[in-house]
Amino acid sequence: MELLKQKILSEGKVISDEILKVDSFLNHQIDPILMQAIGEEFAKKFRSGNVTKVLTLEASGIAVAIMTALALKVPVVFAKKKMPSTMTTKAYFGRVHSFTKQEDVEIMVSSTYLDHHDRILIIDDFLATGEASRGMIEIIRQAEATLVGVGIVIEKAFQEGGQSLREDGIRVESLARIAKLENGQIYFD
């Protein structure tokens, strides 16, 4: 997606050889026009999968997931990082290690919102080690739902997450693949 790549080049900040900061348009402040275009692109890529729900992880994936779900005309479910007192039904759980926060988090989705009839599209802002995707895949497995694929806004192709998921037979569609971050520069795959 050229629009996304241009935004990354103009507003992205290389923090280190492993960290790209894009909080001016993706995961702190949000560019709704860009999010709409991204959502439409994911919908185009996954429409044939008969998606019934879009699943993401709070909070950074929500904007992209909403726009994707809007384009597909399906609901969004987001995995929570803390058990709310209002969750009184059974829940499905996954474990995620946050690369940027360096902590393990248990994520959960109420069993009310996912079941064996669902065809799930995972949407997330970044793919690095694949931990977030694998945590959500575990939730889908517990719900006995079907995984249609994983849509990623920015994949750090120099880390093992995308390759590992693809080797497991999971369809991964990334809109921008970063080959490397080096000397303050962004190199696309």
N, C-alpha and C. Protein backbone atom coordinates (compact mmCIF):
# COMPACT_ATOMS: atom_id res chain seq x y z
N MET A 1 0.84 -1.18 0.00
CA MET A 1 0.00 0.00 0.00
C MET A 1 0.88 1.25 0.00
N GLU A 2 0.91 1.93 -1.10
CA GLU A 2 1.79 3.09 -1.25
C GLU A 2 1.49 4.21 -0.25
N LEU A 3 0.20 4.47 -0.02
CA LEU A 3 -0.19 5.53 0.93
C LEU A 3 0.40 5.25 2.32
N LEU A 4 0.31 4.02 2.76
CA LEU A 4 0.86 3.63 4.06
C LEU A 4 2.38 3.77 4.07
N LYS A 5 3.04 3.29 3.05
CA LYS A 5 4.50 3.39 2.98
C LYS A 5 4.96 4.84 3.03
N GLN A 6 4.27 5.70 2.31
CA GLN A 6 4.64 7.12 2.32
C GLN A 6 4.45 7.73 3.72
N LYS A 7 3.38 7.33 4.40
CA LYS A 7 3.12 7.82 5.76
C LYS A 7 4.23 7.33 6.70
N ILE A 8 4.62 6.08 6.57
CA ILE A 8 5.69 5.53 7.40
C ILE A 8 6.99 6.31 7.16
N LEU A 9 7.32 6.56 5.90
CA LEU A 9 8.55 7.28 5.58
C LEU A 9 8.52 8.73 6.06
N SER A 10 7.35 9.38 5.96
CA SER A 10 7.29 10.80 6.32
C SER A 10 7.12 11.02 7.82
N GLU A 11 6.42 10.11 8.53
CA GLU A 11 6.14 10.34 9.94
C GLU A 11 6.72 9.30 10.89
N GLY A 12 7.15 8.16 10.36
CA GLY A 12 7.74 7.13 11.21
C GLY A 12 9.09 7.55 11.75
N LYS A 13 9.37 7.13 12.97
CA LYS A 13 10.65 7.46 13.60
C LYS A 13 11.33 6.16 14.03
N VAL A 14 12.55 5.98 13.56
CA VAL A 14 13.32 4.81 13.94
C VAL A 14 13.92 5.06 15.31
N ILE A 15 13.49 4.28 16.29
CA ILE A 15 13.98 4.41 17.67
C ILE A 15 15.25 3.58 17.87
N SER A 16 15.26 2.40 17.23
CA SER A 16 16.43 1.52 17.28
C SER A 16 16.34 0.60 16.07
N ASP A 17 17.28 -0.32 15.96
CA ASP A 17 17.25 -1.26 14.84
C ASP A 17 16.09 -2.25 14.93
N GLU A 18 15.32 -2.19 16.02
CA GLU A 18 14.17 -3.08 16.19
C GLU A 18 12.85 -2.35 16.41
N ILE A 19 12.88 -1.06 16.69
CA ILE A 19 11.65 -0.34 17.05
C ILE A 19 11.40 0.83 16.10
N LEU A 20 10.19 0.83 15.52
CA LEU A 20 9.71 1.90 14.65
C LEU A 20 8.52 2.56 15.35
N LYS A 21 8.61 3.85 15.54
CA LYS A 21 7.55 4.61 16.21
C LYS A 21 6.64 5.23 15.14
N VAL A 22 5.36 4.86 15.19
CA VAL A 22 4.37 5.38 14.24
C VAL A 22 3.14 5.89 14.98
N ASP A 23 3.38 6.42 16.16
CA ASP A 23 2.24 6.83 17.00
C ASP A 23 1.57 8.11 16.54
N SER A 24 2.13 8.79 15.53
CA SER A 24 1.48 10.01 15.04
C SER A 24 0.31 9.70 14.12
N PHE A 25 0.20 8.43 13.65
CA PHE A 25 -0.92 8.11 12.76
C PHE A 25 -1.56 6.75 13.00
N LEU A 26 -0.93 5.87 13.80
CA LEU A 26 -1.44 4.50 13.91
C LEU A 26 -1.81 4.06 15.32
N ASN A 27 -0.96 4.33 16.29
CA ASN A 27 -1.24 3.74 17.59
C ASN A 27 -1.16 4.68 18.79
N HIS A 28 -1.35 5.95 18.56
CA HIS A 28 -1.58 6.91 19.65
C HIS A 28 -2.53 7.97 19.12
N GLN A 29 -2.06 8.73 18.15
CA GLN A 29 -2.95 9.57 17.35
C GLN A 29 -3.29 8.74 16.11
N ILE A 30 -4.53 8.83 15.63
CA ILE A 30 -4.97 7.99 14.53
C ILE A 30 -5.41 8.84 13.35
N ASP A 31 -4.91 8.49 12.17
CA ASP A 31 -5.31 9.13 10.93
C ASP A 31 -6.51 8.35 10.38
N PRO A 32 -7.73 8.88 10.53
CA PRO A 32 -8.92 8.11 10.13
C PRO A 32 -9.02 7.87 8.63
N ILE A 33 -8.52 8.78 7.82
CA ILE A 33 -8.56 8.59 6.37
C ILE A 33 -7.65 7.42 5.98
N LEU A 34 -6.47 7.37 6.58
CA LEU A 34 -5.56 6.25 6.33
C LEU A 34 -6.15 4.95 6.86
N MET A 35 -6.76 4.99 8.05
CA MET A 35 -7.36 3.78 8.62
C MET A 35 -8.48 3.25 7.72
N GLN A 36 -9.27 4.15 7.16
CA GLN A 36 -10.34 3.73 6.26
C GLN A 36 -9.75 3.03 5.03
N ALA A 37 -8.71 3.59 4.45
CA ALA A 37 -8.07 2.99 3.28
C ALA A 37 -7.47 1.62 3.63
N ILE A 38 -6.87 1.52 4.80
CA ILE A 38 -6.30 0.25 5.25
C ILE A 38 -7.41 -0.78 5.45
N GLY A 39 -8.50 -0.39 6.09
CA GLY A 39 -9.63 -1.29 6.30
C GLY A 39 -10.20 -1.81 4.98
N GLU A 40 -10.33 -0.92 4.01
CA GLU A 40 -10.84 -1.32 2.69
C GLU A 40 -9.88 -2.29 2.00
N GLU A 41 -8.57 -2.06 2.17
CA GLU A 41 -7.57 -2.95 1.57
C GLU A 41 -7.64 -4.35 2.19
N PHE A 42 -7.74 -4.41 3.52
CA PHE A 42 -7.88 -5.73 4.17
C PHE A 42 -9.17 -6.42 3.75
N ALA A 43 -10.25 -5.66 3.65
CA ALA A 43 -11.53 -6.25 3.23
C ALA A 43 -11.41 -6.84 1.83
N LYS A 44 -10.73 -6.13 0.94
CA LYS A 44 -10.52 -6.62 -0.42
C LYS A 44 -9.73 -7.93 -0.39
N LYS A 45 -8.68 -7.98 0.43
CA LYS A 45 -7.82 -9.16 0.48
C LYS A 45 -8.52 -10.38 1.08
N PHE A 46 -9.42 -10.16 2.05
CA PHE A 46 -10.01 -11.28 2.78
C PHE A 46 -11.50 -11.51 2.51
N ARG A 47 -12.10 -10.74 1.62
CA ARG A 47 -13.55 -10.86 1.37
C ARG A 47 -13.96 -12.28 1.00
N SER A 48 -13.16 -12.97 0.23
CA SER A 48 -13.52 -14.33 -0.21
C SER A 48 -13.50 -15.34 0.93
N GLY A 49 -12.97 -14.95 2.09
CA GLY A 49 -12.90 -15.87 3.23
C GLY A 49 -14.19 -15.95 4.04
N ASN A 50 -15.23 -15.24 3.61
CA ASN A 50 -16.51 -15.25 4.33
C ASN A 50 -16.35 -14.99 5.82
N VAL A 51 -15.62 -13.95 6.14
CA VAL A 51 -15.35 -13.56 7.52
C VAL A 51 -16.66 -13.22 8.23
N THR A 52 -16.83 -13.73 9.46
CA THR A 52 -18.01 -13.37 10.25
C THR A 52 -17.67 -12.40 11.37
N LYS A 53 -16.38 -12.39 11.78
CA LYS A 53 -15.95 -11.45 12.83
C LYS A 53 -14.48 -11.11 12.63
N VAL A 54 -14.15 -9.89 13.05
CA VAL A 54 -12.75 -9.44 13.07
C VAL A 54 -12.32 -9.45 14.52
N LEU A 55 -11.16 -10.02 14.79
CA LEU A 55 -10.61 -10.10 16.15
C LEU A 55 -9.32 -9.32 16.20
N THR A 56 -9.17 -8.52 17.26
CA THR A 56 -7.94 -7.79 17.48
C THR A 56 -7.64 -7.77 18.97
N LEU A 57 -6.55 -7.13 19.30
CA LEU A 57 -6.10 -7.01 20.68
C LEU A 57 -6.16 -5.55 21.08
N GLU A 58 -6.69 -5.28 22.29
CA GLU A 58 -6.71 -3.88 22.71
C GLU A 58 -5.28 -3.40 22.91
N ALA A 59 -4.95 -2.20 22.65
CA ALA A 59 -5.79 -1.14 22.15
C ALA A 59 -5.39 -0.75 20.74
N SER A 60 -4.14 -0.96 20.36
CA SER A 60 -3.64 -0.41 19.10
C SER A 60 -4.29 -0.99 17.85
N GLY A 61 -4.81 -2.19 17.92
CA GLY A 61 -5.41 -2.79 16.74
C GLY A 61 -6.85 -2.39 16.50
N ILE A 62 -7.48 -1.75 17.48
CA ILE A 62 -8.92 -1.50 17.40
C ILE A 62 -9.31 -0.60 16.23
N ALA A 63 -8.61 0.49 16.00
CA ALA A 63 -8.99 1.41 14.92
C ALA A 63 -8.96 0.71 13.56
N VAL A 64 -7.90 -0.03 13.30
CA VAL A 64 -7.77 -0.74 12.02
C VAL A 64 -8.84 -1.83 11.93
N ALA A 65 -9.07 -2.54 13.03
CA ALA A 65 -10.07 -3.61 13.04
C ALA A 65 -11.47 -3.07 12.77
N ILE A 66 -11.80 -1.94 13.36
CA ILE A 66 -13.12 -1.34 13.13
C ILE A 66 -13.30 -0.99 11.66
N MET A 67 -12.31 -0.37 11.06
CA MET A 67 -12.43 0.02 9.66
C MET A 67 -12.50 -1.21 8.74
N THR A 68 -11.78 -2.25 9.09
CA THR A 68 -11.84 -3.49 8.31
C THR A 68 -13.22 -4.13 8.44
N ALA A 69 -13.70 -4.21 9.69
CA ALA A 69 -15.02 -4.80 9.93
C ALA A 69 -16.13 -4.00 9.26
N LEU A 70 -15.99 -2.68 9.26
CA LEU A 70 -16.97 -1.82 8.59
C LEU A 70 -17.02 -2.15 7.10
N ALA A 71 -15.86 -2.29 6.50
CA ALA A 71 -15.81 -2.62 5.07
C ALA A 71 -16.36 -4.01 4.78
N LEU A 72 -16.18 -4.94 5.73
CA LEU A 72 -16.69 -6.31 5.58
C LEU A 72 -18.13 -6.45 6.07
N LYS A 73 -18.61 -5.44 6.81
CA LYS A 73 -19.96 -5.44 7.40
C LYS A 73 -20.15 -6.58 8.40
N VAL A 74 -19.14 -6.72 9.30
CA VAL A 74 -19.18 -7.73 10.36
C VAL A 74 -18.77 -7.07 11.68
N PRO A 75 -19.07 -7.72 12.82
CA PRO A 75 -18.66 -7.15 14.11
C PRO A 75 -17.15 -7.28 14.37
N VAL A 76 -16.68 -6.45 15.30
CA VAL A 76 -15.31 -6.51 15.81
C VAL A 76 -15.37 -7.05 17.23
N VAL A 77 -14.47 -7.94 17.56
CA VAL A 77 -14.29 -8.40 18.94
C VAL A 77 -12.84 -8.07 19.29
N PHE A 78 -12.63 -7.47 20.46
CA PHE A 78 -11.24 -7.27 20.83
C PHE A 78 -10.93 -8.00 22.12
N ALA A 79 -9.76 -8.64 22.12
CA ALA A 79 -9.29 -9.36 23.30
C ALA A 79 -8.88 -8.33 24.34
N LYS A 80 -9.35 -8.54 25.55
CA LYS A 80 -9.04 -7.64 26.66
C LYS A 80 -7.79 -8.12 27.37
N LYS A 81 -7.09 -7.16 27.97
CA LYS A 81 -5.87 -7.48 28.71
C LYS A 81 -6.11 -7.61 30.20
N LYS A 82 -7.27 -7.22 30.65
CA LYS A 82 -7.63 -7.37 32.07
C LYS A 82 -9.06 -7.87 32.14
N MET A 83 -9.31 -8.77 33.07
CA MET A 83 -10.65 -9.33 33.24
C MET A 83 -11.56 -8.27 33.87
N PRO A 84 -12.59 -7.82 33.13
CA PRO A 84 -13.51 -6.84 33.72
C PRO A 84 -14.47 -7.52 34.71
N SER A 85 -14.91 -6.79 35.69
CA SER A 85 -15.85 -7.36 36.67
C SER A 85 -17.18 -7.71 36.03
N THR A 86 -17.47 -7.15 34.87
CA THR A 86 -18.73 -7.43 34.18
C THR A 86 -18.69 -8.71 33.36
N MET A 87 -17.51 -9.33 33.22
CA MET A 87 -17.42 -10.57 32.45
C MET A 87 -17.83 -11.73 33.35
N THR A 88 -19.07 -12.13 33.20
CA THR A 88 -19.62 -13.17 34.07
C THR A 88 -19.74 -14.52 33.37
N THR A 89 -19.45 -14.56 32.08
CA THR A 89 -19.52 -15.82 31.34
C THR A 89 -18.14 -16.44 31.23
N LYS A 90 -18.10 -17.64 30.71
CA LYS A 90 -16.84 -18.31 30.42
C LYS A 90 -16.03 -17.45 29.46
N ALA A 91 -14.72 -17.52 29.55
CA ALA A 91 -13.86 -16.75 28.64
C ALA A 91 -12.81 -17.67 28.03
N TYR A 92 -12.33 -17.27 26.87
CA TYR A 92 -11.21 -17.93 26.21
C TYR A 92 -9.97 -17.09 26.49
N PHE A 93 -8.84 -17.77 26.74
CA PHE A 93 -7.63 -17.07 27.15
C PHE A 93 -6.45 -17.38 26.23
N GLY A 94 -5.57 -16.42 26.09
CA GLY A 94 -4.31 -16.58 25.39
C GLY A 94 -3.24 -15.81 26.15
N ARG A 95 -2.00 -16.11 25.87
CA ARG A 95 -0.89 -15.41 26.51
C ARG A 95 -0.08 -14.71 25.44
N VAL A 96 0.30 -13.46 25.73
CA VAL A 96 1.05 -12.64 24.79
C VAL A 96 2.23 -12.02 25.51
N HIS A 97 3.39 -12.05 24.85
CA HIS A 97 4.54 -11.32 25.36
C HIS A 97 4.65 -10.04 24.54
N SER A 98 4.59 -8.90 25.21
CA SER A 98 4.71 -7.61 24.53
C SER A 98 6.18 -7.28 24.32
N PHE A 99 6.56 -7.17 23.05
CA PHE A 99 7.94 -6.86 22.69
C PHE A 99 8.32 -5.45 23.15
N THR A 100 7.43 -4.48 22.92
CA THR A 100 7.78 -3.10 23.27
C THR A 100 7.68 -2.81 24.76
N LYS A 101 6.78 -3.53 25.46
CA LYS A 101 6.62 -3.30 26.90
C LYS A 101 7.40 -4.30 27.74
N GLN A 102 7.94 -5.33 27.10
CA GLN A 102 8.72 -6.38 27.78
C GLN A 102 7.97 -6.98 28.96
N GLU A 103 6.72 -7.41 28.69
CA GLU A 103 5.93 -8.08 29.75
C GLU A 103 5.00 -9.10 29.13
N ASP A 104 4.65 -10.11 29.93
CA ASP A 104 3.66 -11.11 29.52
C ASP A 104 2.29 -10.66 29.99
N VAL A 105 1.30 -10.84 29.10
CA VAL A 105 -0.06 -10.44 29.39
C VAL A 105 -0.99 -11.57 29.03
N GLU A 106 -1.96 -11.85 29.90
CA GLU A 106 -3.01 -12.80 29.56
C GLU A 106 -4.14 -12.03 28.91
N ILE A 107 -4.56 -12.49 27.72
CA ILE A 107 -5.65 -11.83 27.01
C ILE A 107 -6.88 -12.72 27.05
N MET A 108 -8.05 -12.10 26.92
CA MET A 108 -9.27 -12.90 27.02
C MET A 108 -10.40 -12.33 26.18
N VAL A 109 -11.30 -13.24 25.77
CA VAL A 109 -12.52 -12.87 25.06
C VAL A 109 -13.65 -13.68 25.68
N SER A 110 -14.75 -13.04 25.96
CA SER A 110 -15.93 -13.73 26.49
C SER A 110 -16.42 -14.76 25.48
N SER A 111 -16.81 -15.92 25.96
CA SER A 111 -17.34 -16.97 25.09
C SER A 111 -18.66 -16.55 24.43
N THR A 112 -19.26 -15.49 24.93
CA THR A 112 -20.49 -14.96 24.34
C THR A 112 -20.27 -14.48 22.91
N TYR A 113 -19.04 -14.05 22.59
CA TYR A 113 -18.79 -13.37 21.32
C TYR A 113 -18.10 -14.19 20.25
N LEU A 114 -17.62 -15.38 20.57
CA LEU A 114 -17.00 -16.25 19.58
C LEU A 114 -17.51 -17.67 19.77
N ASP A 115 -17.78 -18.35 18.65
CA ASP A 115 -18.15 -19.76 18.75
C ASP A 115 -17.73 -20.52 17.50
N HIS A 116 -18.09 -21.79 17.45
CA HIS A 116 -17.63 -22.66 16.37
C HIS A 116 -18.19 -22.30 15.00
N HIS A 117 -19.19 -21.46 14.93
CA HIS A 117 -19.74 -21.02 13.65
C HIS A 117 -18.92 -19.89 13.02
N ASP A 118 -18.08 -19.23 13.81
CA ASP A 118 -17.39 -18.04 13.35
C ASP A 118 -16.19 -18.33 12.46
N ARG A 119 -16.01 -17.43 11.50
CA ARG A 119 -14.85 -17.41 10.62
C ARG A 119 -14.13 -16.09 10.93
N ILE A 120 -12.98 -16.21 11.56
CA ILE A 120 -12.31 -15.06 12.18
C ILE A 120 -11.14 -14.54 11.35
N LEU A 121 -11.11 -13.22 11.21
CA LEU A 121 -9.98 -12.53 10.63
C LEU A 121 -9.30 -11.76 11.76
N ILE A 122 -8.04 -12.05 12.01
CA ILE A 122 -7.25 -11.31 13.00
C ILE A 122 -6.67 -10.08 12.30
N ILE A 123 -6.80 -8.93 12.94
CA ILE A 123 -6.22 -7.69 12.44
C ILE A 123 -5.36 -7.09 13.55
N ASP A 124 -4.14 -6.66 13.21
CA ASP A 124 -3.29 -6.01 14.21
C ASP A 124 -2.41 -4.96 13.55
N ASP A 125 -1.88 -4.07 14.38
CA ASP A 125 -1.07 -2.98 13.84
C ASP A 125 0.32 -3.43 13.45
N PHE A 126 0.97 -4.25 14.30
CA PHE A 126 2.34 -4.69 14.05
C PHE A 126 2.45 -6.20 14.14
N LEU A 127 3.39 -6.76 13.40
CA LEU A 127 3.79 -8.16 13.54
C LEU A 127 5.31 -8.16 13.65
N ALA A 128 5.79 -8.65 14.78
CA ALA A 128 7.24 -8.76 15.00
C ALA A 128 7.57 -10.22 15.28
N THR A 129 7.36 -10.64 16.51
CA THR A 129 7.65 -12.03 16.89
C THR A 129 6.45 -12.95 16.71
N GLY A 130 5.29 -12.39 16.48
CA GLY A 130 4.08 -13.20 16.28
C GLY A 130 3.33 -13.54 17.55
N GLU A 131 3.79 -13.03 18.69
CA GLU A 131 3.18 -13.36 19.98
C GLU A 131 1.71 -12.95 20.06
N ALA A 132 1.37 -11.75 19.63
CA ALA A 132 -0.02 -11.29 19.70
C ALA A 132 -0.91 -12.16 18.82
N SER A 133 -0.46 -12.44 17.62
CA SER A 133 -1.25 -13.29 16.72
C SER A 133 -1.44 -14.67 17.31
N ARG A 134 -0.37 -15.24 17.86
CA ARG A 134 -0.48 -16.59 18.44
C ARG A 134 -1.42 -16.62 19.65
N GLY A 135 -1.41 -15.55 20.46
CA GLY A 135 -2.35 -15.48 21.58
C GLY A 135 -3.79 -15.45 21.10
N MET A 136 -4.05 -14.68 20.03
CA MET A 136 -5.41 -14.62 19.49
C MET A 136 -5.79 -15.93 18.78
N ILE A 137 -4.82 -16.57 18.15
CA ILE A 137 -5.08 -17.88 17.51
C ILE A 137 -5.48 -18.90 18.57
N GLU A 138 -4.85 -18.85 19.73
CA GLU A 138 -5.22 -19.75 20.82
C GLU A 138 -6.67 -19.52 21.25
N ILE A 139 -7.09 -18.28 21.31
CA ILE A 139 -8.49 -17.95 21.65
C ILE A 139 -9.44 -18.53 20.60
N ILE A 140 -9.08 -18.38 19.33
CA ILE A 140 -9.90 -18.92 18.24
C ILE A 140 -9.98 -20.44 18.35
N ARG A 141 -8.86 -21.08 18.67
CA ARG A 141 -8.84 -22.54 18.83
C ARG A 141 -9.77 -22.97 19.96
N GLN A 142 -9.71 -22.27 21.10
CA GLN A 142 -10.59 -22.61 22.23
C GLN A 142 -12.06 -22.44 21.87
N ALA A 143 -12.37 -21.46 21.05
CA ALA A 143 -13.75 -21.21 20.63
C ALA A 143 -14.20 -22.19 19.54
N GLU A 144 -13.26 -22.98 19.04
CA GLU A 144 -13.51 -23.92 17.95
C GLU A 144 -14.00 -23.20 16.69
N ALA A 145 -13.54 -21.95 16.53
CA ALA A 145 -13.87 -21.15 15.36
C ALA A 145 -12.82 -21.42 14.28
N THR A 146 -13.02 -20.85 13.11
CA THR A 146 -12.10 -21.02 11.99
C THR A 146 -11.30 -19.73 11.78
N LEU A 147 -9.99 -19.87 11.68
CA LEU A 147 -9.12 -18.74 11.37
C LEU A 147 -9.06 -18.57 9.86
N VAL A 148 -9.49 -17.40 9.37
CA VAL A 148 -9.43 -17.10 7.94
C VAL A 148 -8.03 -16.61 7.58
N GLY A 149 -7.45 -15.79 8.44
CA GLY A 149 -6.13 -15.25 8.18
C GLY A 149 -5.79 -14.14 9.15
N VAL A 150 -4.62 -13.57 8.94
CA VAL A 150 -4.10 -12.51 9.79
C VAL A 150 -3.75 -11.32 8.89
N GLY A 151 -4.32 -10.15 9.19
CA GLY A 151 -4.01 -8.93 8.47
C GLY A 151 -3.18 -8.02 9.35
N ILE A 152 -2.04 -7.59 8.85
CA ILE A 152 -1.09 -6.80 9.62
C ILE A 152 -0.82 -5.49 8.89
N VAL A 153 -0.86 -4.39 9.60
CA VAL A 153 -0.55 -3.11 8.98
C VAL A 153 0.94 -3.04 8.66
N ILE A 154 1.80 -3.26 9.66
CA ILE A 154 3.26 -3.18 9.46
C ILE A 154 3.91 -4.45 10.01
N GLU A 155 4.59 -5.16 9.13
CA GLU A 155 5.32 -6.36 9.55
C GLU A 155 6.80 -6.06 9.58
N LYS A 156 7.44 -6.40 10.69
CA LYS A 156 8.89 -6.33 10.78
C LYS A 156 9.42 -7.65 10.23
N ALA A 157 9.65 -7.68 8.91
CA ALA A 157 10.04 -8.91 8.23
C ALA A 157 11.39 -9.44 8.70
N PHE A 158 12.17 -8.60 9.36
CA PHE A 158 13.47 -9.02 9.87
C PHE A 158 13.35 -9.79 11.19
N GLN A 159 12.14 -9.87 11.74
CA GLN A 159 11.90 -10.70 12.92
C GLN A 159 11.12 -11.93 12.48
N GLU A 160 11.08 -12.95 13.32
CA GLU A 160 10.62 -14.27 12.89
C GLU A 160 9.11 -14.49 12.87
N GLY A 161 8.31 -13.56 13.36
CA GLY A 161 6.88 -13.79 13.52
C GLY A 161 6.13 -14.14 12.25
N GLY A 162 6.28 -13.34 11.21
CA GLY A 162 5.57 -13.58 9.97
C GLY A 162 5.97 -14.89 9.32
N GLN A 163 7.26 -15.15 9.27
CA GLN A 163 7.75 -16.40 8.67
C GLN A 163 7.23 -17.61 9.44
N SER A 164 7.26 -17.53 10.76
CA SER A 164 6.79 -18.64 11.59
C SER A 164 5.31 -18.93 11.37
N LEU A 165 4.49 -17.87 11.32
CA LEU A 165 3.05 -18.07 11.08
C LEU A 165 2.81 -18.66 9.70
N ARG A 166 3.51 -18.16 8.70
CA ARG A 166 3.35 -18.68 7.34
C ARG A 166 3.80 -20.13 7.25
N GLU A 167 4.87 -20.49 7.94
CA GLU A 167 5.34 -21.88 7.95
C GLU A 167 4.31 -22.81 8.59
N ASP A 168 3.48 -22.26 9.48
CA ASP A 168 2.41 -23.04 10.11
C ASP A 168 1.15 -23.09 9.24
N GLY A 169 1.24 -22.56 8.02
CA GLY A 169 0.12 -22.62 7.09
C GLY A 169 -0.92 -21.53 7.28
N ILE A 170 -0.57 -20.50 8.03
CA ILE A 170 -1.50 -19.40 8.29
C ILE A 170 -1.32 -18.33 7.22
N ARG A 171 -2.44 -17.89 6.68
CA ARG A 171 -2.39 -16.82 5.69
C ARG A 171 -2.13 -15.50 6.41
N VAL A 172 -1.03 -14.84 6.06
CA VAL A 172 -0.67 -13.55 6.64
C VAL A 172 -0.55 -12.55 5.50
N GLU A 173 -1.32 -11.46 5.60
CA GLU A 173 -1.26 -10.38 4.61
C GLU A 173 -0.80 -9.12 5.34
N SER A 174 0.37 -8.64 4.98
CA SER A 174 0.93 -7.43 5.57
C SER A 174 0.93 -6.31 4.53
N LEU A 175 0.47 -5.14 4.92
CA LEU A 175 0.38 -4.03 3.98
C LEU A 175 1.71 -3.32 3.77
N ALA A 176 2.57 -3.35 4.78
CA ALA A 176 3.93 -2.80 4.65
C ALA A 176 4.87 -3.75 5.38
N ARG A 177 5.89 -4.20 4.66
CA ARG A 177 6.88 -5.11 5.26
C ARG A 177 8.21 -4.37 5.35
N ILE A 178 8.70 -4.25 6.57
CA ILE A 178 9.97 -3.57 6.82
C ILE A 178 11.09 -4.61 6.77
N ALA A 179 12.03 -4.44 5.86
CA ALA A 179 13.16 -5.36 5.73
C ALA A 179 14.18 -5.13 6.83
N LYS A 180 14.40 -3.83 7.14
CA LYS A 180 15.33 -3.52 8.24
C LYS A 180 15.17 -2.06 8.63
N LEU A 181 15.58 -1.80 9.86
CA LEU A 181 15.70 -0.45 10.40
C LEU A 181 17.17 -0.29 10.73
N GLU A 182 17.82 0.66 10.07
CA GLU A 182 19.27 0.76 10.24
C GLU A 182 19.71 2.20 10.12
N ASN A 183 20.52 2.65 11.08
CA ASN A 183 21.05 4.01 11.07
C ASN A 183 19.97 5.06 10.88
N GLY A 184 18.83 4.85 11.54
CA GLY A 184 17.74 5.80 11.48
C GLY A 184 16.93 5.74 10.19
N GLN A 185 17.20 4.77 9.33
CA GLN A 185 16.52 4.64 8.04
C GLN A 185 15.57 3.45 8.05
N ILE A 186 14.52 3.56 7.25
CA ILE A 186 13.52 2.51 7.09
C ILE A 186 13.69 1.91 5.71
N TYR A 187 13.86 0.59 5.66
CA TYR A 187 14.01 -0.12 4.39
C TYR A 187 12.86 -1.10 4.25
N PHE A 188 12.09 -0.96 3.16
CA PHE A 188 10.97 -1.86 2.91
C PHE A 188 11.44 -3.13 2.23
N ASP A 189 10.70 -4.20 2.46
CA ASP A 189 10.97 -5.50 1.86
C ASP A 189 10.54 -5.47 0.39
